PDB file of N, CA and C in Angstrom:
ATOM      1  N   MET A   1      64.121 -18.964 -20.519  1.00  0.00           N
ATOM      2  CA  MET A   1      64.966 -17.996 -19.855  1.00  0.00           C
ATOM      3  C   MET A   1      65.602 -18.615 -18.603  1.00  0.00           C
ATOM      4  N   ALA A   2      64.832 -19.408 -17.881  1.00  0.00           N
ATOM      5  CA  ALA A   2      65.363 -20.044 -16.676  1.00  0.00           C
ATOM      6  C   ALA A   2      66.518 -20.979 -17.019  1.00  0.00           C
ATOM      7  N   ALA A   3      66.404 -21.674 -18.145  1.00  0.00           N
ATOM      8  CA  ALA A   3      67.482 -22.576 -18.569  1.00  0.00           C
ATOM      9  C   ALA A   3      68.747 -21.784 -18.874  1.00  0.00           C
ATOM     10  N   GLY A   4      68.602 -20.610 -19.475  1.00  0.00           N
ATOM     11  CA  GLY A   4      69.753 -19.755 -19.774  1.00  0.00           C
ATOM     12  C   GLY A   4      70.440 -19.276 -18.506  1.00  0.00           C
ATOM     13  N   LEU A   5      69.653 -18.890 -17.522  1.00  0.00           N
ATOM     14  CA  LEU A   5      70.226 -18.453 -16.245  1.00  0.00           C
ATOM     15  C   LEU A   5      70.948 -19.599 -15.555  1.00  0.00           C
ATOM     16  N   PHE A   6      70.383 -20.799 -15.637  1.00  0.00           N
ATOM     17  CA  PHE A   6      71.032 -21.959 -15.038  1.00  0.00           C
ATOM     18  C   PHE A   6      72.373 -22.229 -15.711  1.00  0.00           C
ATOM     19  N   ALA A   7      72.408 -22.112 -17.035  1.00  0.00           N
ATOM     20  CA  ALA A   7      73.652 -22.356 -17.779  1.00  0.00           C
ATOM     21  C   ALA A   7      74.729 -21.363 -17.364  1.00  0.00           C
ATOM     22  N   VAL A   8      74.378 -20.099 -17.193  1.00  0.00           N
ATOM     23  CA  VAL A   8      75.343 -19.078 -16.756  1.00  0.00           C
ATOM     24  C   VAL A   8      75.815 -19.386 -15.341  1.00  0.00           C
ATOM     25  N   ALA A   9      74.901 -19.731 -14.448  1.00  0.00           N
ATOM     26  CA  ALA A   9      75.266 -20.055 -13.068  1.00  0.00           C
ATOM     27  C   ALA A   9      76.178 -21.273 -13.027  1.00  0.00           C
ATOM     28  N   ALA A  10      75.908 -22.259 -13.852  1.00  0.00           N
ATOM     29  CA  ALA A  10      76.735 -23.461 -13.877  1.00  0.00           C
ATOM     30  C   ALA A  10      78.150 -23.133 -14.338  1.00  0.00           C
ATOM     31  N   THR A  11      78.287 -22.228 -15.279  1.00  0.00           N
ATOM     32  CA  THR A  11      79.603 -21.830 -15.773  1.00  0.00           C
ATOM     33  C   THR A  11      80.399 -21.163 -14.660  1.00  0.00           C
ATOM     34  N   VAL A  12      79.764 -20.305 -13.904  1.00  0.00           N
ATOM     35  CA  VAL A  12      80.443 -19.614 -12.813  1.00  0.00           C
ATOM     36  C   VAL A  12      80.893 -20.602 -11.743  1.00  0.00           C
ATOM     37  N   VAL A  13      80.067 -21.566 -11.421  1.00  0.00           N
ATOM     38  CA  VAL A  13      80.392 -22.544 -10.398  1.00  0.00           C
ATOM     39  C   VAL A  13      81.541 -23.445 -10.838  1.00  0.00           C
ATOM     40  N   LEU A  14      81.625 -23.751 -12.130  1.00  0.00           N
ATOM     41  CA  LEU A  14      82.644 -24.656 -12.618  1.00  0.00           C
ATOM     42  C   LEU A  14      84.033 -24.021 -12.711  1.00  0.00           C
ATOM     43  N   ALA A  15      84.114 -22.705 -12.747  1.00  0.00           N
ATOM     44  CA  ALA A  15      85.417 -22.036 -12.837  1.00  0.00           C
ATOM     45  C   ALA A  15      86.231 -22.345 -11.583  1.00  0.00           C
ATOM     46  N   HIS A  16      87.508 -22.635 -11.776  1.00  0.00           N
ATOM     47  CA  HIS A  16      88.399 -22.981 -10.676  1.00  0.00           C
ATOM     48  C   HIS A  16      89.448 -21.877 -10.554  1.00  0.00           C
ATOM     49  N   GLU A  17      89.036 -20.746 -10.010  1.00  0.00           N
ATOM     50  CA  GLU A  17      89.923 -19.605  -9.883  1.00  0.00           C
ATOM     51  C   GLU A  17      90.749 -19.701  -8.608  1.00  0.00           C
ATOM     52  N   VAL A  18      92.013 -19.337  -8.747  1.00  0.00           N
ATOM     53  CA  VAL A  18      92.922 -19.309  -7.610  1.00  0.00           C
ATOM     54  C   VAL A  18      93.593 -17.938  -7.597  1.00  0.00           C
ATOM     55  N   THR A  19      93.692 -17.346  -6.419  1.00  0.00           N
ATOM     56  CA  THR A  19      94.309 -16.037  -6.258  1.00  0.00           C
ATOM     57  C   THR A  19      95.703 -16.195  -5.671  1.00  0.00           C
ATOM     58  N   TYR A  20      96.676 -15.589  -6.329  1.00  0.00           N
ATOM     59  CA  TYR A  20      98.059 -15.587  -5.860  1.00  0.00           C
ATOM     60  C   TYR A  20      98.433 -14.159  -5.475  1.00  0.00           C
ATOM     61  N   GLN A  21      99.095 -14.005  -4.343  1.00  0.00           N
ATOM     62  CA  GLN A  21      99.586 -12.704  -3.905  1.00  0.00           C
ATOM     63  C   GLN A  21     101.089 -12.798  -3.753  1.00  0.00           C
ATOM     64  N   GLY A  22     101.787 -11.756  -4.140  1.00  0.00           N
ATOM     65  CA  GLY A  22     103.228 -11.817  -4.010  1.00  0.00           C
ATOM     66  C   GLY A  22     103.924 -10.554  -4.454  1.00  0.00           C
ATOM     67  N   THR A  23     105.185 -10.742  -4.818  1.00  0.00           N
ATOM     68  CA  THR A  23     106.053  -9.653  -5.234  1.00  0.00           C
ATOM     69  C   THR A  23     106.596  -9.960  -6.625  1.00  0.00           C
ATOM     70  N   VAL A  24     106.594  -8.958  -7.481  1.00  0.00           N
ATOM     71  CA  VAL A  24     107.071  -9.132  -8.852  1.00  0.00           C
ATOM     72  C   VAL A  24     108.585  -9.336  -8.851  1.00  0.00           C
ATOM     73  N   LEU A  25     109.025 -10.406  -9.514  1.00  0.00           N
ATOM     74  CA  LEU A  25     110.453 -10.672  -9.678  1.00  0.00           C
ATOM     75  C   LEU A  25     110.941 -10.217 -11.045  1.00  0.00           C
ATOM     76  N   ALA A  26     110.099 -10.371 -12.076  1.00  0.00           N
ATOM     77  CA  ALA A  26     110.467  -9.982 -13.440  1.00  0.00           C
ATOM     78  C   ALA A  26     109.201  -9.830 -14.270  1.00  0.00           C
ATOM     79  N   VAL A  27     109.318  -9.011 -15.314  1.00  0.00           N
ATOM     80  CA  VAL A  27     108.200  -8.799 -16.229  1.00  0.00           C
ATOM     81  C   VAL A  27     108.713  -8.942 -17.649  1.00  0.00           C
ATOM     82  N   GLU A  28     107.999  -9.739 -18.444  1.00  0.00           N
ATOM     83  CA  GLU A  28     108.296  -9.898 -19.862  1.00  0.00           C
ATOM     84  C   GLU A  28     107.030  -9.569 -20.638  1.00  0.00           C
ATOM     85  N   ALA A  29     107.128  -9.498 -21.929  1.00  0.00           N
ATOM     86  CA  ALA A  29     105.983  -9.111 -22.763  1.00  0.00           C
ATOM     87  C   ALA A  29     104.777 -10.033 -22.578  1.00  0.00           C
ATOM     88  N   ALA A  30     105.015 -11.324 -22.425  1.00  0.00           N
ATOM     89  CA  ALA A  30     103.901 -12.282 -22.373  1.00  0.00           C
ATOM     90  C   ALA A  30     103.765 -12.997 -21.040  1.00  0.00           C
ATOM     91  N   ARG A  31     104.543 -12.573 -20.041  1.00  0.00           N
ATOM     92  CA  ARG A  31     104.421 -13.232 -18.738  1.00  0.00           C
ATOM     93  C   ARG A  31     105.042 -12.378 -17.635  1.00  0.00           C
ATOM     94  N   VAL A  32     104.658 -12.727 -16.405  1.00  0.00           N
ATOM     95  CA  VAL A  32     105.185 -12.048 -15.223  1.00  0.00           C
ATOM     96  C   VAL A  32     105.636 -13.111 -14.222  1.00  0.00           C
ATOM     97  N   HIS A  33     106.779 -12.868 -13.596  1.00  0.00           N
ATOM     98  CA  HIS A  33     107.363 -13.795 -12.630  1.00  0.00           C
ATOM     99  C   HIS A  33     107.105 -13.231 -11.233  1.00  0.00           C
ATOM    100  N   VAL A  34     106.503 -14.046 -10.363  1.00  0.00           N
ATOM    101  CA  VAL A  34     106.077 -13.580  -9.047  1.00  0.00           C
ATOM    102  C   VAL A  34     106.568 -14.520  -7.959  1.00  0.00           C
ATOM    103  N   LYS A  35     107.054 -13.942  -6.864  1.00  0.00           N
ATOM    104  CA  LYS A  35     107.392 -14.729  -5.671  1.00  0.00           C
ATOM    105  C   LYS A  35     106.153 -14.716  -4.781  1.00  0.00           C
ATOM    106  N   THR A  36     105.609 -15.906  -4.525  1.00  0.00           N
ATOM    107  CA  THR A  36     104.414 -16.041  -3.701  1.00  0.00           C
ATOM    108  C   THR A  36     104.740 -16.842  -2.449  1.00  0.00           C
ATOM    109  N   ILE A  37     103.823 -16.819  -1.496  1.00  0.00           N
ATOM    110  CA  ILE A  37     103.954 -17.631  -0.288  1.00  0.00           C
ATOM    111  C   ILE A  37     102.738 -18.538  -0.214  1.00  0.00           C
ATOM    112  N   ASP A  38     102.971 -19.849  -0.139  1.00  0.00           N
ATOM    113  CA  ASP A  38     101.891 -20.814   0.010  1.00  0.00           C
ATOM    114  C   ASP A  38     101.293 -20.627   1.400  1.00  0.00           C
ATOM    115  N   LEU A  39     100.011 -20.296   1.464  1.00  0.00           N
ATOM    116  CA  LEU A  39      99.376 -19.999   2.748  1.00  0.00           C
ATOM    117  C   LEU A  39      99.307 -21.207   3.675  1.00  0.00           C
ATOM    118  N   LYS A  40      99.290 -22.417   3.118  1.00  0.00           N
ATOM    119  CA  LYS A  40      99.225 -23.618   3.952  1.00  0.00           C
ATOM    120  C   LYS A  40     100.592 -23.998   4.508  1.00  0.00           C
ATOM    121  N   THR A  41     101.599 -24.013   3.628  1.00  0.00           N
ATOM    122  CA  THR A  41     102.924 -24.476   4.043  1.00  0.00           C
ATOM    123  C   THR A  41     103.841 -23.344   4.501  1.00  0.00           C
ATOM    124  N   LYS A  42     103.462 -22.099   4.176  1.00  0.00           N
ATOM    125  CA  LYS A  42     104.269 -20.900   4.493  1.00  0.00           C
ATOM    126  C   LYS A  42     105.600 -20.885   3.744  1.00  0.00           C
ATOM    127  N   LYS A  43     105.720 -21.695   2.685  1.00  0.00           N
ATOM    128  CA  LYS A  43     106.943 -21.720   1.893  1.00  0.00           C
ATOM    129  C   LYS A  43     106.842 -20.730   0.741  1.00  0.00           C
ATOM    130  N   GLU A  44     107.980 -20.108   0.424  1.00  0.00           N
ATOM    131  CA  GLU A  44     108.038 -19.220  -0.728  1.00  0.00           C
ATOM    132  C   GLU A  44     108.122 -20.052  -2.000  1.00  0.00           C
ATOM    133  N   GLU A  45     107.419 -19.601  -3.018  1.00  0.00           N
ATOM    134  CA  GLU A  45     107.446 -20.267  -4.308  1.00  0.00           C
ATOM    135  C   GLU A  45     107.505 -19.208  -5.394  1.00  0.00           C
ATOM    136  N   ASP A  46     108.217 -19.507  -6.473  1.00  0.00           N
ATOM    137  CA  ASP A  46     108.245 -18.634  -7.636  1.00  0.00           C
ATOM    138  C   ASP A  46     107.297 -19.200  -8.674  1.00  0.00           C
ATOM    139  N   ALA A  47     106.550 -18.320  -9.338  1.00  0.00           N
ATOM    140  CA  ALA A  47     105.627 -18.780 -10.371  1.00  0.00           C
ATOM    141  C   ALA A  47     105.633 -17.797 -11.538  1.00  0.00           C
ATOM    142  N   TRP A  48     105.572 -18.331 -12.741  1.00  0.00           N
ATOM    143  CA  TRP A  48     105.413 -17.532 -13.952  1.00  0.00           C
ATOM    144  C   TRP A  48     103.946 -17.561 -14.324  1.00  0.00           C
ATOM    145  N   PHE A  49     103.387 -16.392 -14.619  1.00  0.00           N
ATOM    146  CA  PHE A  49     101.994 -16.284 -15.039  1.00  0.00           C
ATOM    147  C   PHE A  49     101.958 -15.730 -16.458  1.00  0.00           C
ATOM    148  N   ALA A  50     101.272 -16.434 -17.349  1.00  0.00           N
ATOM    149  CA  ALA A  50     101.138 -15.985 -18.729  1.00  0.00           C
ATOM    150  C   ALA A  50     100.179 -14.803 -18.789  1.00  0.00           C
ATOM    151  N   ILE A  51     100.452 -13.895 -19.712  1.00  0.00           N
ATOM    152  CA  ILE A  51      99.602 -12.726 -19.944  1.00  0.00           C
ATOM    153  C   ILE A  51      99.216 -12.746 -21.420  1.00  0.00           C
ATOM    154  N   ASP A  52      97.929 -12.520 -21.700  1.00  0.00           N
ATOM    155  CA  ASP A  52      97.510 -12.396 -23.095  1.00  0.00           C
ATOM    156  C   ASP A  52      96.501 -11.270 -23.226  1.00  0.00           C
ATOM    157  N   LYS A  53      95.907 -11.138 -24.404  1.00  0.00           N
ATOM    158  CA  LYS A  53      94.988 -10.031 -24.658  1.00  0.00           C
ATOM    159  C   LYS A  53      93.709 -10.105 -23.820  1.00  0.00           C
ATOM    160  N   THR A  54      93.419 -11.258 -23.236  1.00  0.00           N
ATOM    161  CA  THR A  54      92.216 -11.389 -22.410  1.00  0.00           C
ATOM    162  C   THR A  54      92.474 -11.040 -20.943  1.00  0.00           C
ATOM    163  N   THR A  55      93.741 -10.896 -20.560  1.00  0.00           N
ATOM    164  CA  THR A  55      94.086 -10.590 -19.169  1.00  0.00           C
ATOM    165  C   THR A  55      93.643  -9.170 -18.826  1.00  0.00           C
ATOM    166  N   LYS A  56      92.855  -9.042 -17.769  1.00  0.00           N
ATOM    167  CA  LYS A  56      92.420  -7.733 -17.291  1.00  0.00           C
ATOM    168  C   LYS A  56      93.452  -7.231 -16.286  1.00  0.00           C
ATOM    169  N   VAL A  57      93.745  -5.943 -16.345  1.00  0.00           N
ATOM    170  CA  VAL A  57      94.736  -5.357 -15.438  1.00  0.00           C
ATOM    171  C   VAL A  57      94.102  -4.157 -14.747  1.00  0.00           C
ATOM    172  N   LYS A  58      94.237  -4.132 -13.413  1.00  0.00           N
ATOM    173  CA  LYS A  58      93.729  -3.005 -12.634  1.00  0.00           C
ATOM    174  C   LYS A  58      94.879  -2.398 -11.840  1.00  0.00           C
ATOM    175  N   ARG A  59      95.044  -1.100 -11.950  1.00  0.00           N
ATOM    176  CA  ARG A  59      95.992  -0.360 -11.125  1.00  0.00           C
ATOM    177  C   ARG A  59      95.117   0.486 -10.216  1.00  0.00           C
ATOM    178  N   GLY A  60      95.070   0.106  -8.943  1.00  0.00           N
ATOM    179  CA  GLY A  60      94.089   0.713  -8.029  1.00  0.00           C
ATOM    180  C   GLY A  60      92.709   0.264  -8.464  1.00  0.00           C
ATOM    181  N   GLU A  61      91.801   1.196  -8.629  1.00  0.00           N
ATOM    182  CA  GLU A  61      90.445   0.878  -9.085  1.00  0.00           C
ATOM    183  C   GLU A  61      90.284   1.061 -10.581  1.00  0.00           C
ATOM    184  N   LYS A  62      91.334   1.509 -11.263  1.00  0.00           N
ATOM    185  CA  LYS A  62      91.260   1.836 -12.686  1.00  0.00           C
ATOM    186  C   LYS A  62      91.750   0.679 -13.558  1.00  0.00           C
ATOM    187  N   SER A  63      90.945   0.306 -14.548  1.00  0.00           N
ATOM    188  CA  SER A  63      91.370  -0.702 -15.525  1.00  0.00           C
ATOM    189  C   SER A  63      92.320  -0.042 -16.509  1.00  0.00           C
ATOM    190  N   VAL A  64      93.441  -0.724 -16.788  1.00  0.00           N
ATOM    191  CA  VAL A  64      94.452  -0.186 -17.702  1.00  0.00           C
ATOM    192  C   VAL A  64      94.928  -1.288 -18.639  1.00  0.00           C
ATOM    193  N   GLN A  65      95.562  -0.882 -19.722  1.00  0.00           N
ATOM    194  CA  GLN A  65      96.211  -1.835 -20.617  1.00  0.00           C
ATOM    195  C   GLN A  65      97.480  -2.326 -19.939  1.00  0.00           C
ATOM    196  N   ILE A  66      97.915  -3.532 -20.265  1.00  0.00           N
ATOM    197  CA  ILE A  66      99.098  -4.113 -19.628  1.00  0.00           C
ATOM    198  C   ILE A  66     100.321  -3.211 -19.802  1.00  0.00           C
ATOM    199  N   ALA A  67     100.500  -2.621 -20.976  1.00  0.00           N
ATOM    200  CA  ALA A  67     101.652  -1.749 -21.221  1.00  0.00           C
ATOM    201  C   ALA A  67     101.586  -0.482 -20.364  1.00  0.00           C
ATOM    202  N   ASP A  68     100.374   0.023 -20.133  1.00  0.00           N
ATOM    203  CA  ASP A  68     100.201   1.234 -19.341  1.00  0.00           C
ATOM    204  C   ASP A  68     100.321   0.981 -17.841  1.00  0.00           C
ATOM    205  N   ALA A  69     100.239  -0.276 -17.429  1.00  0.00           N
ATOM    206  CA  ALA A  69     100.338  -0.606 -16.004  1.00  0.00           C
ATOM    207  C   ALA A  69     101.747  -0.375 -15.485  1.00  0.00           C
ATOM    208  N   LYS A  70     102.740  -0.510 -16.366  1.00  0.00           N
ATOM    209  CA  LYS A  70     104.148  -0.322 -15.999  1.00  0.00           C
ATOM    210  C   LYS A  70     104.498  -1.104 -14.724  1.00  0.00           C
ATOM    211  N   ILE A  71     104.275  -2.416 -14.801  1.00  0.00           N
ATOM    212  CA  ILE A  71     104.564  -3.296 -13.678  1.00  0.00           C
ATOM    213  C   ILE A  71     106.064  -3.270 -13.407  1.00  0.00           C
ATOM    214  N   ALA A  72     106.434  -3.069 -12.150  1.00  0.00           N
ATOM    215  CA  ALA A  72     107.845  -2.924 -11.791  1.00  0.00           C
ATOM    216  C   ALA A  72     108.306  -4.044 -10.866  1.00  0.00           C
ATOM    217  N   LYS A  73     109.558  -4.423 -11.031  1.00  0.00           N
ATOM    218  CA  LYS A  73     110.174  -5.414 -10.155  1.00  0.00           C
ATOM    219  C   LYS A  73     110.086  -4.916  -8.707  1.00  0.00           C
ATOM    220  N   GLY A  74     109.698  -5.816  -7.802  1.00  0.00           N
ATOM    221  CA  GLY A  74     109.626  -5.485  -6.386  1.00  0.00           C
ATOM    222  C   GLY A  74     108.268  -5.000  -5.908  1.00  0.00           C
ATOM    223  N   GLU A  75     107.353  -4.708  -6.820  1.00  0.00           N
ATOM    224  CA  GLU A  75     106.050  -4.231  -6.353  1.00  0.00           C
ATOM    225  C   GLU A  75     105.122  -5.396  -6.029  1.00  0.00           C
ATOM    226  N   ARG A  76     104.176  -5.139  -5.157  1.00  0.00           N
ATOM    227  CA  ARG A  76     103.192  -6.142  -4.763  1.00  0.00           C
ATOM    228  C   ARG A  76     102.207  -6.355  -5.899  1.00  0.00           C
ATOM    229  N   ILE A  77     101.739  -7.603  -6.037  1.00  0.00           N
ATOM    230  CA  ILE A  77     100.841  -7.961  -7.129  1.00  0.00           C
ATOM    231  C   ILE A  77      99.881  -9.047  -6.667  1.00  0.00           C
ATOM    232  N   VAL A  78      98.686  -9.020  -7.228  1.00  0.00           N
ATOM    233  CA  VAL A  78      97.701 -10.083  -7.043  1.00  0.00           C
ATOM    234  C   VAL A  78      97.369 -10.601  -8.436  1.00  0.00           C
ATOM    235  N   VAL A  79      97.441 -11.918  -8.600  1.00  0.00           N
ATOM    236  CA  VAL A  79      97.150 -12.543  -9.891  1.00  0.00           C
ATOM    237  C   VAL A  79      96.045 -13.574  -9.682  1.00  0.00           C
ATOM    238  N   ILE A  80      94.994 -13.453 -10.484  1.00  0.00           N
ATOM    239  CA  ILE A  80      93.893 -14.419 -10.432  1.00  0.00           C
ATOM    240  C   ILE A  80      94.007 -15.308 -11.663  1.00  0.00           C
ATOM    241  N   VAL A  81      94.046 -16.615 -11.424  1.00  0.00           N
ATOM    242  CA  VAL A  81      94.238 -17.604 -12.486  1.00  0.00           C
ATOM    243  C   VAL A  81      93.049 -18.559 -12.491  1.00  0.00           C
ATOM    244  N   ASP A  82      92.564 -18.888 -13.687  1.00  0.00           N
ATOM    245  CA  ASP A  82      91.540 -19.916 -13.843  1.00  0.00           C
ATOM    246  C   ASP A  82      92.272 -21.206 -14.205  1.00  0.00           C
ATOM    247  N   HIS A  83      92.371 -22.123 -13.251  1.00  0.00           N
ATOM    248  CA  HIS A  83      93.120 -23.355 -13.482  1.00  0.00           C
ATOM    249  C   HIS A  83      92.439 -24.291 -14.476  1.00  0.00           C
ATOM    250  N   ASP A  84      91.209 -23.986 -14.866  1.00  0.00           N
ATOM    251  CA  ASP A  84      90.524 -24.792 -15.870  1.00  0.00           C
ATOM    252  C   ASP A  84      90.771 -24.270 -17.286  1.00  0.00           C
ATOM    253  N   ALA A  85      91.462 -23.148 -17.421  1.00  0.00           N
ATOM    254  CA  ALA A  85      91.738 -22.570 -18.740  1.00  0.00           C
ATOM    255  C   ALA A  85      92.701 -23.462 -19.508  1.00  0.00           C
ATOM    256  N   GLU A  86      92.653 -23.367 -20.833  1.00  0.00           N
ATOM    257  CA  GLU A  86      93.530 -24.185 -21.674  1.00  0.00           C
ATOM    258  C   GLU A  86      95.002 -23.831 -21.477  1.00  0.00           C
ATOM    259  N   THR A  87      95.303 -22.533 -21.378  1.00  0.00           N
ATOM    260  CA  THR A  87      96.680 -22.087 -21.180  1.00  0.00           C
ATOM    261  C   THR A  87      97.036 -22.208 -19.708  1.00  0.00           C
ATOM    262  N   LYS A  88      98.084 -22.949 -19.422  1.00  0.00           N
ATOM    263  CA  LYS A  88      98.499 -23.167 -18.037  1.00  0.00           C
ATOM    264  C   LYS A  88      98.973 -21.857 -17.411  1.00  0.00           C
ATOM    265  N   MET A  89      98.497 -21.566 -16.217  1.00  0.00           N
ATOM    266  CA  MET A  89      98.866 -20.393 -15.422  1.00  0.00           C
ATOM    267  C   MET A  89      98.624 -19.079 -16.170  1.00  0.00           C
ATOM    268  N   LEU A  90      97.536 -19.003 -16.929  1.00  0.00           N
ATOM    269  CA  LEU A  90      97.162 -17.784 -17.619  1.00  0.00           C
ATOM    270  C   LEU A  90      96.499 -16.828 -16.637  1.00  0.00           C
ATOM    271  N   ALA A  91      97.046 -15.623 -16.526  1.00  0.00           N
ATOM    272  CA  ALA A  91      96.478 -14.622 -15.629  1.00  0.00           C
ATOM    273  C   ALA A  91      95.155 -14.134 -16.207  1.00  0.00           C
ATOM    274  N   LYS A  92      94.085 -14.358 -15.465  1.00  0.00           N
ATOM    275  CA  LYS A  92      92.774 -13.867 -15.862  1.00  0.00           C
ATOM    276  C   LYS A  92      92.685 -12.386 -15.494  1.00  0.00           C
ATOM    277  N   GLU A  93      93.243 -12.050 -14.330  1.00  0.00           N
ATOM    278  CA  GLU A  93      93.243 -10.664 -13.867  1.00  0.00           C
ATOM    279  C   GLU A  93      94.494 -10.406 -13.041  1.00  0.00           C
ATOM    280  N   ILE A  94      95.041  -9.201 -13.211  1.00  0.00           N
ATOM    281  CA  ILE A  94      96.187  -8.731 -12.417  1.00  0.00           C
ATOM    282  C   ILE A  94      95.739  -7.481 -11.693  1.00  0.00           C
ATOM    283  N   ARG A  95      96.038  -7.421 -10.400  1.00  0.00           N
ATOM    284  CA  ARG A  95      95.701  -6.242  -9.603  1.00  0.00           C
ATOM    285  C   ARG A  95      96.982  -5.668  -8.999  1.00  0.00           C
ATOM    286  N   LEU A  96      97.103  -4.365  -9.140  1.00  0.00           N
ATOM    287  CA  LEU A  96      98.279  -3.647  -8.648  1.00  0.00           C
ATOM    288  C   LEU A  96      97.816  -2.453  -7.836  1.00  0.00           C
ATOM    289  N   ALA A  97      98.680  -1.976  -6.937  1.00  0.00           N
ATOM    290  CA  ALA A  97      98.359  -0.795  -6.138  1.00  0.00           C
ATOM    291  C   ALA A  97      98.334   0.442  -7.032  1.00  0.00           C
ATOM    292  N   ALA A  98      97.524   1.415  -6.643  1.00  0.00           N
ATOM    293  CA  ALA A  98      97.468   2.678  -7.373  1.00  0.00           C
ATOM    294  C   ALA A  98      98.804   3.403  -7.233  1.00  0.00           C
ATOM    295  N   ARG A  99      99.165   4.121  -8.275  1.00  0.00           N
ATOM    296  CA  ARG A  99     100.397   4.926  -8.229  1.00  0.00           C
ATOM    297  C   ARG A  99     100.037   6.327  -7.799  1.00  0.00           C
ATOM    298  N   GLN A 100     100.922   6.938  -7.022  1.00  0.00           N
ATOM    299  CA  GLN A 100     100.633   8.295  -6.535  1.00  0.00           C
ATOM    300  C   GLN A 100     101.331   9.345  -7.334  1.00  0.00           C
TER     301      GLN A 100
END
């Protein structure tokens, strides 16, 4: 059992997750375009993030399907990417503000 716990802990440590915050520029069926600001250089950068069936989406505290999230141009977004994933810039999780 201890070996199993070590294996799980090692997997978590090896993940190379990066969080991007920004504003939605465009939304397509399989990707989202976001304007982000590099926190070190303070430069604006545009990035495309792939979306697939494994991408988790939260609107406020509620988990929703990507289609039900109704992501809109101009809204604030947080995208978490695992840079060790096979698909480049695949969104592991998308977080959006709750709608009123």
